[in-house]
C-alpha atoms as a PDB file:
ATOM      1  CA  MET A   1      87.108  76.004 102.976  1.00  0.00           C
ATOM      2  CA  TYR A   2      88.362  73.220 100.720  1.00  0.00           C
ATOM      3  CA  LYS A   3      91.720  71.527 101.226  1.00  0.00           C
ATOM      4  CA  PHE A   4      93.796  70.042  98.411  1.00  0.00           C
ATOM      5  CA  ASN A   5      97.124  68.246  98.184  1.00  0.00           C
ATOM      6  CA  LEU A   6      99.200  69.748  95.340  1.00  0.00           C
ATOM      7  CA  GLN A   7     102.434  67.738  95.684  1.00  0.00           C
ATOM      8  CA  LYS A   8     101.874  65.711  92.508  1.00  0.00           C
ATOM      9  CA  ASP A   9      98.312  65.735  91.265  1.00  0.00           C
ATOM     10  CA  VAL A  10      95.474  67.869  92.608  1.00  0.00           C
ATOM     11  CA  VAL A  11      93.916  65.676  95.306  1.00  0.00           C
ATOM     12  CA  TYR A  12      90.890  66.719  97.347  1.00  0.00           C
ATOM     13  CA  LYS A  13      91.613  66.264 101.073  1.00  0.00           C
ATOM     14  CA  GLY A  14      88.721  67.762 102.972  1.00  0.00           C
ATOM     15  CA  TYR A  15      86.206  70.466 103.707  1.00  0.00           C
ATOM     16  CA  GLY A  16      85.565  72.821 106.630  1.00  0.00           C
ATOM     17  CA  GLU A  17      83.005  75.484 107.443  1.00  0.00           C
ATOM     18  CA  VAL A  18      82.771  78.517 109.739  1.00  0.00           C
ATOM     19  CA  ASP A  19      80.225  81.285 110.237  1.00  0.00           C
ATOM     20  CA  GLY A  20      80.651  84.651 108.530  1.00  0.00           C
ATOM     21  CA  TYR A  21      82.624  86.053 105.614  1.00  0.00           C
ATOM     22  CA  ILE A  22      86.198  87.287 105.120  1.00  0.00           C
ATOM     23  CA  ILE A  23      87.397  90.630 103.757  1.00  0.00           C
ATOM     24  CA  ASN A  24      90.604  89.551 101.961  1.00  0.00           C
ATOM     25  CA  GLN A  25      93.475  87.055 101.910  1.00  0.00           C
ATOM     26  CA  PHE A  26      94.932  88.457 105.146  1.00  0.00           C
ATOM     27  CA  SER A  27      91.889  87.082 106.973  1.00  0.00           C
ATOM     28  CA  MET A  28      93.260  83.544 106.465  1.00  0.00           C
ATOM     29  CA  ASP A  29      96.510  81.934 107.555  1.00  0.00           C
ATOM     30  CA  GLU A  30      98.134  78.528 108.077  1.00  0.00           C
ATOM     31  CA  TYR A  31     100.606  78.025 110.929  1.00  0.00           C
ATOM     32  CA  ASP A  32     102.080  74.839 112.402  1.00  0.00           C
ATOM     33  CA  GLY A  33      99.413  72.667 110.785  1.00  0.00           C
ATOM     34  CA  TYR A  34      96.456  74.818 111.875  1.00  0.00           C
ATOM     35  CA  PHE A  35      94.299  76.982 109.647  1.00  0.00           C
ATOM     36  CA  ARG A  36      93.227  80.329 111.183  1.00  0.00           C
ATOM     37  CA  ILE A  37      90.476  82.546 109.823  1.00  0.00           C
ATOM     38  CA  ALA A  38      88.790  85.778 110.968  1.00  0.00           C
ATOM     39  CA  THR A  39      85.221  86.487 109.852  1.00  0.00           C
ATOM     40  CA  THR A  40      82.432  89.020 110.189  1.00  0.00           C
ATOM     41  CA  GLU A  41      78.987  87.543 110.762  1.00  0.00           C
ATOM     42  CA  GLU A  42      75.726  89.297 109.876  1.00  0.00           C
ATOM     43  CA  SER A  43      72.286  88.561 111.273  1.00  0.00           C
ATOM     44  CA  TYR A  44      68.784  90.033 111.224  1.00  0.00           C
ATOM     45  CA  ASN A  45      66.393  90.156 114.166  1.00  0.00           C
ATOM     46  CA  GLY A  46      63.162  91.586 112.860  1.00  0.00           C
ATOM     47  CA  ASN A  47      64.167  94.965 111.453  1.00  0.00           C
ATOM     48  CA  GLN A  48      67.413  94.979 113.425  1.00  0.00           C
ATOM     49  CA  PHE A  49      70.655  94.370 111.501  1.00  0.00           C
ATOM     50  CA  ASN A  50      73.498  93.080 113.639  1.00  0.00           C
ATOM     51  CA  THR A  51      77.164  92.258 113.065  1.00  0.00           C
ATOM     52  CA  SER A  52      79.766  90.449 115.128  1.00  0.00           C
ATOM     53  CA  ASN A  53      83.232  89.079 114.476  1.00  0.00           C
ATOM     54  CA  ASN A  54      84.891  85.721 115.031  1.00  0.00           C
ATOM     55  CA  VAL A  55      88.293  84.055 115.015  1.00  0.00           C
ATOM     56  CA  PHE A  56      88.426  80.311 114.291  1.00  0.00           C
ATOM     57  CA  VAL A  57      91.313  77.842 114.470  1.00  0.00           C
ATOM     58  CA  LEU A  58      90.865  74.617 112.479  1.00  0.00           C
ATOM     59  CA  ASP A  59      92.932  71.437 112.694  1.00  0.00           C
ATOM     60  CA  ARG A  60      94.455  69.436 109.826  1.00  0.00           C
ATOM     61  CA  ASN A  61      91.041  67.924 109.072  1.00  0.00           C
ATOM     62  CA  LEU A  62      89.472  71.409 108.949  1.00  0.00           C
ATOM     63  CA  LYS A  63      87.480  70.777 112.105  1.00  0.00           C
ATOM     64  CA  ILE A  64      87.158  73.697 114.533  1.00  0.00           C
ATOM     65  CA  ALA A  65      89.721  73.304 117.315  1.00  0.00           C
ATOM     66  CA  GLY A  66      89.212  76.649 119.036  1.00  0.00           C
ATOM     67  CA  SER A  67      87.410  79.939 118.506  1.00  0.00           C
ATOM     68  CA  ILE A  68      86.556  83.372 119.844  1.00  0.00           C
ATOM     69  CA  ARG A  69      83.064  84.518 118.873  1.00  0.00           C
ATOM     70  CA  ASN A  70      81.081  87.747 119.077  1.00  0.00           C
ATOM     71  CA  ILE A  71      84.054  90.122 119.115  1.00  0.00           C
ATOM     72  CA  ALA A  72      83.097  93.832 118.877  1.00  0.00           C
ATOM     73  CA  GLU A  73      79.386  93.325 118.302  1.00  0.00           C
ATOM     74  CA  GLY A  74      77.862  95.973 116.044  1.00  0.00           C
ATOM     75  CA  GLU A  75      81.160  96.476 114.193  1.00  0.00           C
ATOM     76  CA  ARG A  76      82.850  94.684 111.316  1.00  0.00           C
ATOM     77  CA  ILE A  77      86.400  93.711 110.461  1.00  0.00           C
ATOM     78  CA  TYR A  78      88.431  96.222 108.442  1.00  0.00           C
ATOM     79  CA  SER A  79      91.876  94.586 108.583  1.00  0.00           C
ATOM     80  CA  VAL A  80      93.607  91.464 109.899  1.00  0.00           C
ATOM     81  CA  ARG A  81      97.232  90.415 110.155  1.00  0.00           C
ATOM     82  CA  PHE A  82      98.450  87.040 111.425  1.00  0.00           C
ATOM     83  CA  ASP A  83     102.009  86.955 112.764  1.00  0.00           C
ATOM     84  CA  GLY A  84     103.058  83.539 114.042  1.00  0.00           C
ATOM     85  CA  GLU A  85     101.303  82.825 117.335  1.00  0.00           C
ATOM     86  CA  LYS A  86      99.714  86.282 117.425  1.00  0.00           C
ATOM     87  CA  MET A  87      97.189  88.092 115.288  1.00  0.00           C
ATOM     88  CA  TYR A  88      96.066  91.697 115.023  1.00  0.00           C
ATOM     89  CA  MET A  89      92.578  92.719 113.981  1.00  0.00           C
ATOM     90  CA  VAL A  90      90.873  96.070 113.457  1.00  0.00           C
ATOM     91  CA  THR A  91      87.105  96.451 113.666  1.00  0.00           C
ATOM     92  CA  PHE A  92      85.214  99.686 113.175  1.00  0.00           C
ATOM     93  CA  LYS A  93      81.918 101.499 113.545  1.00  0.00           C
ATOM     94  CA  GLN A  94      82.661 104.762 115.361  1.00  0.00           C
ATOM     95  CA  VAL A  95      86.134 104.160 116.792  1.00  0.00           C
ATOM     96  CA  ASP A  96      88.954 101.845 115.760  1.00  0.00           C
ATOM     97  CA  PRO A  97      89.601  98.983 118.186  1.00  0.00           C
ATOM     98  CA  LEU A  98      92.916  97.264 117.478  1.00  0.00           C
ATOM     99  CA  PHE A  99      92.732  93.783 119.000  1.00  0.00           C
ATOM    100  CA  VAL A 100      95.791  91.716 119.919  1.00  0.00           C
ATOM    101  CA  ILE A 101      94.892  88.005 119.960  1.00  0.00           C
ATOM    102  CA  ASP A 102      96.987  85.113 121.266  1.00  0.00           C
ATOM    103  CA  LEU A 103      96.880  81.937 119.134  1.00  0.00           C
ATOM    104  CA  GLU A 104      99.692  80.044 120.896  1.00  0.00           C
ATOM    105  CA  ASN A 105      97.193  77.430 122.097  1.00  0.00           C
ATOM    106  CA  PRO A 106      95.075  76.657 119.020  1.00  0.00           C
ATOM    107  CA  TYR A 107      92.399  75.095 121.227  1.00  0.00           C
ATOM    108  CA  SER A 108      92.053  78.173 123.400  1.00  0.00           C
ATOM    109  CA  PRO A 109      92.701  81.447 121.526  1.00  0.00           C
ATOM    110  CA  LYS A 110      92.260  84.559 123.642  1.00  0.00           C
ATOM    111  CA  ILE A 111      92.212  88.340 123.381  1.00  0.00           C
ATOM    112  CA  LEU A 112      95.251  89.788 125.153  1.00  0.00           C
ATOM    113  CA  GLY A 113      94.519  93.482 124.771  1.00  0.00           C
ATOM    114  CA  TYR A 114      92.987  96.180 122.603  1.00  0.00           C
ATOM    115  CA  LEU A 115      93.305  99.871 121.828  1.00  0.00           C
ATOM    116  CA  LYS A 116      90.460 102.218 120.867  1.00  0.00           C
ATOM    117  CA  ILE A 117      91.325 105.289 118.799  1.00  0.00           C
ATOM    118  CA  PRO A 118      89.563 107.413 116.129  1.00  0.00           C
ATOM    119  CA  GLY A 119      89.830 106.275 112.513  1.00  0.00           C
ATOM    120  CA  TYR A 120      90.564 102.804 111.231  1.00  0.00           C
ATOM    121  CA  SER A 121      93.248 100.788 109.465  1.00  0.00           C
ATOM    122  CA  THR A 122      92.462  98.849 106.290  1.00  0.00           C
ATOM    123  CA  TYR A 123      95.964  97.349 106.072  1.00  0.00           C
ATOM    124  CA  LEU A 124      98.287  96.211 108.867  1.00  0.00           C
ATOM    125  CA  HIS A 125     102.022  95.764 108.322  1.00  0.00           C
ATOM    126  CA  PRO A 126     104.365  94.288 110.977  1.00  0.00           C
ATOM    127  CA  LEU A 127     107.560  96.237 111.667  1.00  0.00           C
ATOM    128  CA  GLY A 128     109.900  93.956 113.597  1.00  0.00           C
ATOM    129  CA  GLU A 129     108.656  92.212 116.732  1.00  0.00           C
ATOM    130  CA  ASN A 130     107.387  95.214 118.688  1.00  0.00           C
ATOM    131  CA  ARG A 131     105.844  97.556 116.130  1.00  0.00           C
ATOM    132  CA  LEU A 132     102.845  97.472 113.802  1.00  0.00           C
ATOM    133  CA  ILE A 133     102.005  99.935 111.015  1.00  0.00           C
ATOM    134  CA  GLY A 134      98.374 100.712 110.205  1.00  0.00           C
ATOM    135  CA  ILE A 135      97.319 102.337 106.932  1.00  0.00           C
ATOM    136  CA  GLY A 136      93.759 103.600 106.716  1.00  0.00           C
ATOM    137  CA  LEU A 137      91.572 106.663 107.123  1.00  0.00           C
ATOM    138  CA  GLU A 138      91.066 109.213 109.859  1.00  0.00           C
ATOM    139  CA  THR A 139      87.450 109.811 110.907  1.00  0.00           C
ATOM    140  CA  ALA A 140      85.442 112.597 112.495  1.00  0.00           C
ATOM    141  CA  ASP A 141      81.996 113.093 113.973  1.00  0.00           C
ATOM    142  CA  LEU A 142      79.584 115.181 111.891  1.00  0.00           C
ATOM    143  CA  GLU A 143      76.255 115.853 113.564  1.00  0.00           C
ATOM    144  CA  GLY A 144      76.157 112.431 115.138  1.00  0.00           C
ATOM    145  CA  ARG A 145      77.478 110.405 112.229  1.00  0.00           C
ATOM    146  CA  VAL A 146      80.987 109.225 111.507  1.00  0.00           C
ATOM    147  CA  ILE A 147      82.623 110.458 108.288  1.00  0.00           C
ATOM    148  CA  ASN A 148      85.938 109.584 106.642  1.00  0.00           C
ATOM    149  CA  LYS A 149      88.636 112.242 106.624  1.00  0.00           C
ATOM    150  CA  GLY A 150      92.157 112.036 105.207  1.00  0.00           C
ATOM    151  CA  ILE A 151      94.591 109.148 105.008  1.00  0.00           C
ATOM    152  CA  LYS A 152      96.008 108.054 108.349  1.00  0.00           C
ATOM    153  CA  ILE A 153      99.323 106.256 108.882  1.00  0.00           C
ATOM    154  CA  ALA A 154      99.716 104.990 112.449  1.00  0.00           C
ATOM    155  CA  LEU A 155     102.596 103.332 114.290  1.00  0.00           C
ATOM    156  CA  PHE A 156     101.652 101.023 117.156  1.00  0.00           C
ATOM    157  CA  ASP A 157     103.838  99.781 119.996  1.00  0.00           C
ATOM    158  CA  ILE A 158     102.919  96.135 120.662  1.00  0.00           C
ATOM    159  CA  SER A 159     105.817  95.307 122.987  1.00  0.00           C
ATOM    160  CA  ASN A 160     103.205  94.940 125.753  1.00  0.00           C
ATOM    161  CA  LEU A 161     100.587  92.777 124.054  1.00  0.00           C
ATOM    162  CA  GLU A 162      98.037  93.491 126.762  1.00  0.00           C
ATOM    163  CA  LYS A 163      98.379  97.251 126.326  1.00  0.00           C
ATOM    164  CA  PRO A 164      99.053  98.187 122.683  1.00  0.00           C
ATOM    165  CA  LYS A 165      99.480 101.914 122.128  1.00  0.00           C
ATOM    166  CA  GLN A 166      99.787 104.356 119.255  1.00  0.00           C
ATOM    167  CA  ILE A 167     103.150 106.130 119.401  1.00  0.00           C
ATOM    168  CA  SER A 168     103.123 108.085 116.128  1.00  0.00           C
ATOM    169  CA  LYS A 169     100.571 109.221 113.583  1.00  0.00           C
ATOM    170  CA  LEU A 170     100.585 111.043 110.245  1.00  0.00           C
ATOM    171  CA  GLU A 171      97.456 112.431 108.586  1.00  0.00           C
ATOM    172  CA  ILE A 172      97.455 113.373 104.903  1.00  0.00           C
ATOM    173  CA  GLY A 173      94.748 115.379 103.148  1.00  0.00           C
ATOM    174  CA  GLY A 174      91.039 115.767 103.767  1.00  0.00           C
ATOM    175  CA  ARG A 175      87.780 114.095 102.775  1.00  0.00           C
ATOM    176  CA  GLY A 176      88.129 112.221  99.508  1.00  0.00           C
ATOM    177  CA  SER A 177      91.860 111.523  99.842  1.00  0.00           C
ATOM    178  CA  TYR A 178      92.681 108.034  98.617  1.00  0.00           C
ATOM    179  CA  SER A 179      95.469 105.547  98.027  1.00  0.00           C
ATOM    180  CA  GLU A 180      95.272 102.194  96.289  1.00  0.00           C
ATOM    181  CA  SER A 181      97.418 100.822  99.118  1.00  0.00           C
ATOM    182  CA  LEU A 182      94.392 101.144 101.403  1.00  0.00           C
ATOM    183  CA  TYR A 183      93.001  98.002  99.776  1.00  0.00           C
ATOM    184  CA  ASN A 184      95.846  96.616  97.654  1.00  0.00           C
ATOM    185  CA  HIS A 185      99.008  95.783  99.604  1.00  0.00           C
ATOM    186  CA  LYS A 186     100.952  95.436  96.347  1.00  0.00           C
ATOM    187  CA  ALA A 187     100.569  99.188  95.848  1.00  0.00           C
ATOM    188  CA  LEU A 188     102.799  99.693  98.912  1.00  0.00           C
ATOM    189  CA  THR A 189     106.552  99.342  98.323  1.00  0.00           C
ATOM    190  CA  VAL A 190     108.849  98.790 101.321  1.00  0.00           C
ATOM    191  CA  TYR A 191     112.621  99.336 101.167  1.00  0.00           C
ATOM    192  CA  LYS A 192     114.160  98.227 104.450  1.00  0.00           C
ATOM    193  CA  PRO A 193     117.772  99.464 103.881  1.00  0.00           C
ATOM    194  CA  TYR A 194     116.449 103.035 104.189  1.00  0.00           C
ATOM    195  CA  ASP A 195     113.278 102.309 106.240  1.00  0.00           C
ATOM    196  CA  LEU A 196     111.226 103.675 103.332  1.00  0.00           C
ATOM    197  CA  TYR A 197     107.554 103.164 102.470  1.00  0.00           C
ATOM    198  CA  ALA A 198     106.172 104.400  99.143  1.00  0.00           C
ATOM    199  CA  PHE A 199     102.560 104.448  97.953  1.00  0.00           C
ATOM    200  CA  ASP A 200     100.338 106.220  95.454  1.00  0.00           C
ATOM    201  CA  LEU A 201      98.392 109.204  96.735  1.00  0.00           C
ATOM    202  CA  TYR A 202      95.359 111.192  95.669  1.00  0.00           C
ATOM    203  CA  GLU A 203      95.226 114.078  98.143  1.00  0.00           C
ATOM    204  CA  THR A 204      92.434 116.585  98.700  1.00  0.00           C
ATOM    205  CA  ARG A 205      92.443 119.874 100.567  1.00  0.00           C
ATOM    206  CA  ASP A 206      91.829 119.521 104.289  1.00  0.00           C
ATOM    207  CA  ASP A 207      88.657 121.623 104.317  1.00  0.00           C
ATOM    208  CA  ASP A 208      85.970 119.079 103.346  1.00  0.00           C
ATOM    209  CA  SER A 209      85.758 120.561  99.832  1.00  0.00           C
ATOM    210  CA  TYR A 210      87.066 117.402  98.076  1.00  0.00           C
ATOM    211  CA  THR A 211      89.376 119.686  96.060  1.00  0.00           C
ATOM    212  CA  GLN A 212      92.363 117.792  94.625  1.00  0.00           C
ATOM    213  CA  ILE A 213      95.711 119.321  95.574  1.00  0.00           C
ATOM    214  CA  PHE A 214      98.080 116.457  94.744  1.00  0.00           C
ATOM    215  CA  ARG A 215      98.279 113.262  92.742  1.00  0.00           C
ATOM    216  CA  GLY A 216     101.432 111.188  92.708  1.00  0.00           C
ATOM    217  CA  LEU A 217     103.625 109.126  94.992  1.00  0.00           C
ATOM    218  CA  CYS A 218     104.178 109.633  98.715  1.00  0.00           C
ATOM    219  CA  LEU A 219     107.442 108.582 100.358  1.00  0.00           C
ATOM    220  CA  LEU A 220     107.676 108.005 104.118  1.00  0.00           C
ATOM    221  CA  ARG A 221     110.391 106.934 106.507  1.00  0.00           C
ATOM    222  CA  ILE A 222     109.090 104.764 109.344  1.00  0.00           C
ATOM    223  CA  ASN A 223     111.322 103.479 112.116  1.00  0.00           C
ATOM    224  CA  ASP A 224     110.636 102.181 115.622  1.00  0.00           C
ATOM    225  CA  ASN A 225     109.800 105.630 116.947  1.00  0.00           C
ATOM    226  CA  GLU A 226     108.258 107.849 114.292  1.00  0.00           C
ATOM    227  CA  ILE A 227     106.662 108.357 110.900  1.00  0.00           C
ATOM    228  CA  LYS A 228     108.201 111.072 108.735  1.00  0.00           C
ATOM    229  CA  LEU A 229     106.999 112.413 105.378  1.00  0.00           C
ATOM    230  CA  LEU A 230     110.041 112.751 103.096  1.00  0.00           C
ATOM    231  CA  GLN A 231     108.822 113.456  99.572  1.00  0.00           C
ATOM    232  CA  LYS A 232     105.776 113.815  97.369  1.00  0.00           C
ATOM    233  CA  ILE A 233     106.540 113.199  93.705  1.00  0.00           C
ATOM    234  CA  THR A 234     104.118 113.975  90.896  1.00  0.00           C
ATOM    235  CA  HIS A 235     104.191 113.815  87.108  1.00  0.00           C
ATOM    236  CA  MET A 236     101.484 116.393  86.605  1.00  0.00           C
ATOM    237  CA  ASP A 237     104.172 118.942  85.690  1.00  0.00           C
ATOM    238  CA  LEU A 238     105.148 116.660  82.756  1.00  0.00           C
ATOM    239  CA  LEU A 239     101.692 117.119  81.245  1.00  0.00           C
ATOM    240  CA  LYS A 240     102.145 120.765  80.231  1.00  0.00           C
ATOM    241  CA  GLY A 241     101.097 121.280  76.634  1.00  0.00           C
ATOM    242  CA  VAL A 242      99.037 118.072  76.612  1.00  0.00           C
ATOM    243  CA  SER A 243      95.336 118.275  75.792  1.00  0.00           C
ATOM    244  CA  GLU A 244      92.917 118.221  78.713  1.00  0.00           C
ATOM    245  CA  VAL A 245      91.574 114.839  77.574  1.00  0.00           C
ATOM    246  CA  GLU A 246      95.046 113.257  77.699  1.00  0.00           C
ATOM    247  CA  ALA A 247      96.292 115.113  80.767  1.00  0.00           C
ATOM    248  CA  TYR A 248      95.631 112.462  83.382  1.00  0.00           C
ATOM    249  CA  ASP A 249      98.308 110.691  85.408  1.00  0.00           C
ATOM    250  CA  TYR A 250      97.730 107.433  87.231  1.00  0.00           C
ATOM    251  CA  GLY A 251      99.326 104.146  88.243  1.00  0.00           C
ATOM    252  CA  TYR A 252     102.141 105.536  90.407  1.00  0.00           C
ATOM    253  CA  ARG A 253     104.566 102.851  91.615  1.00  0.00           C
ATOM    254  CA  ALA A 254     108.047 102.847  93.164  1.00  0.00           C
ATOM    255  CA  VAL A 255     111.034 100.620  92.395  1.00  0.00           C
ATOM    256  CA  PHE A 256     114.171 100.736  94.562  1.00  0.00           C
ATOM    257  CA  VAL A 257     117.646  99.883  93.264  1.00  0.00           C
ATOM    258  CA  ASP A 258     120.592 100.438  95.627  1.00  0.00           C
ATOM    259  CA  LYS A 259     120.496 104.152  96.524  1.00  0.00           C
ATOM    260  CA  LEU A 260     117.962 105.123  93.851  1.00  0.00           C
ATOM    261  CA  MET A 261     114.171 105.183  93.740  1.00  0.00           C
ATOM    262  CA  PHE A 262     112.371 105.073  90.395  1.00  0.00           C
ATOM    263  CA  VAL A 263     108.863 106.518  90.387  1.00  0.00           C
ATOM    264  CA  ILE A 264     106.860 105.267  87.416  1.00  0.00           C
ATOM    265  CA  SER A 265     103.428 106.260  86.128  1.00  0.00           C
ATOM    266  CA  ASN A 266     101.625 106.207  82.794  1.00  0.00           C
ATOM    267  CA  VAL A 267     103.129 109.659  82.165  1.00  0.00           C
ATOM    268  CA  GLY A 268     106.793 109.502  83.086  1.00  0.00           C
ATOM    269  CA  VAL A 269     109.685 108.323  85.227  1.00  0.00           C
ATOM    270  CA  THR A 270     111.349 110.142  88.097  1.00  0.00           C
ATOM    271  CA  VAL A 271     114.672 109.086  89.642  1.00  0.00           C
ATOM    272  CA  LEU A 272     115.391 110.078  93.235  1.00  0.00           C
ATOM    273  CA  ASN A 273     118.789 109.866  94.966  1.00  0.00           C
ATOM    274  CA  LEU A 274     117.979 108.408  98.396  1.00  0.00           C
ATOM    275  CA  ASP A 275     121.141 109.617 100.113  1.00  0.00           C
ATOM    276  CA  GLU A 276     120.444 113.236  99.227  1.00  0.00           C
ATOM    277  CA  MET A 277     116.674 112.928  98.754  1.00  0.00           C
ATOM    278  CA  LYS A 278     116.987 114.863  95.504  1.00  0.00           C
ATOM    279  CA  ILE A 279     115.406 114.277  92.108  1.00  0.00           C
ATOM    280  CA  ILE A 280     118.130 113.615  89.548  1.00  0.00           C
ATOM    281  CA  LYS A 281     115.884 112.733  86.586  1.00  0.00           C
ATOM    282  CA  ASN A 282     112.319 113.602  85.688  1.00  0.00           C
ATOM    283  CA  GLU A 283     111.218 112.701  82.171  1.00  0.00           C
ATOM    284  CA  ARG A 284     108.019 112.062  80.309  1.00  0.00           C
ATOM    285  CA  ILE A 285     107.631 108.630  78.704  1.00  0.00           C
END
């Protein structure tokens, strides 16, 4: 890691180094003058391939102040979220351990608790002080190997940091289901006045056939207690009469304005009244 001062000119201030690699920007964080980073480390011992995971805290000079090494050996990090003096991390190989890590003392970080459940989260989103949303994939065992299933939205209770628990779960689709929000947090739109979460969705039939049954935008309501599916909005019906080559919809995004939601794709625009949860406009571009 390289540190620069950007107040006036670009001035090089220092360099630091840790073992392993990161998965995305959520693996790094700065808090109260300390730089925190979560990494997965790979090693080879003969023909044996091994992985382990680490959390490092570096001081202002990018020297390691504290660390936790060799977390969940044999697994790798799938998502990380720093939240002040706490952090949440998901690793995965066959089950999904959600780790809660205390960073209050930067010189002595420690694991407070963890939860093991099927599936895994690729994006973690804090909901207030006591809840955490995980967006990822459900998994299943197929003749001894783990396979991805449909999209999984999970709500975790982290009020007891030593004993996190899953209090609600929603599964959508089967094998091959996908959402850009799994790996791009900007594809997820949050509208707090109505507790709404909107994301693009490619959904397959839940029978392992990979058959597409829906493409569009999925709208959820998530509060402290539950996850509820409210609407699925598609523009495929706006493609009637269009040639098969042109009949492809993509790029679904949501924009919220007061009590309205605008669903936009390369094909059209849909307007939804949030009070009544009814479509009031649906037009091709």
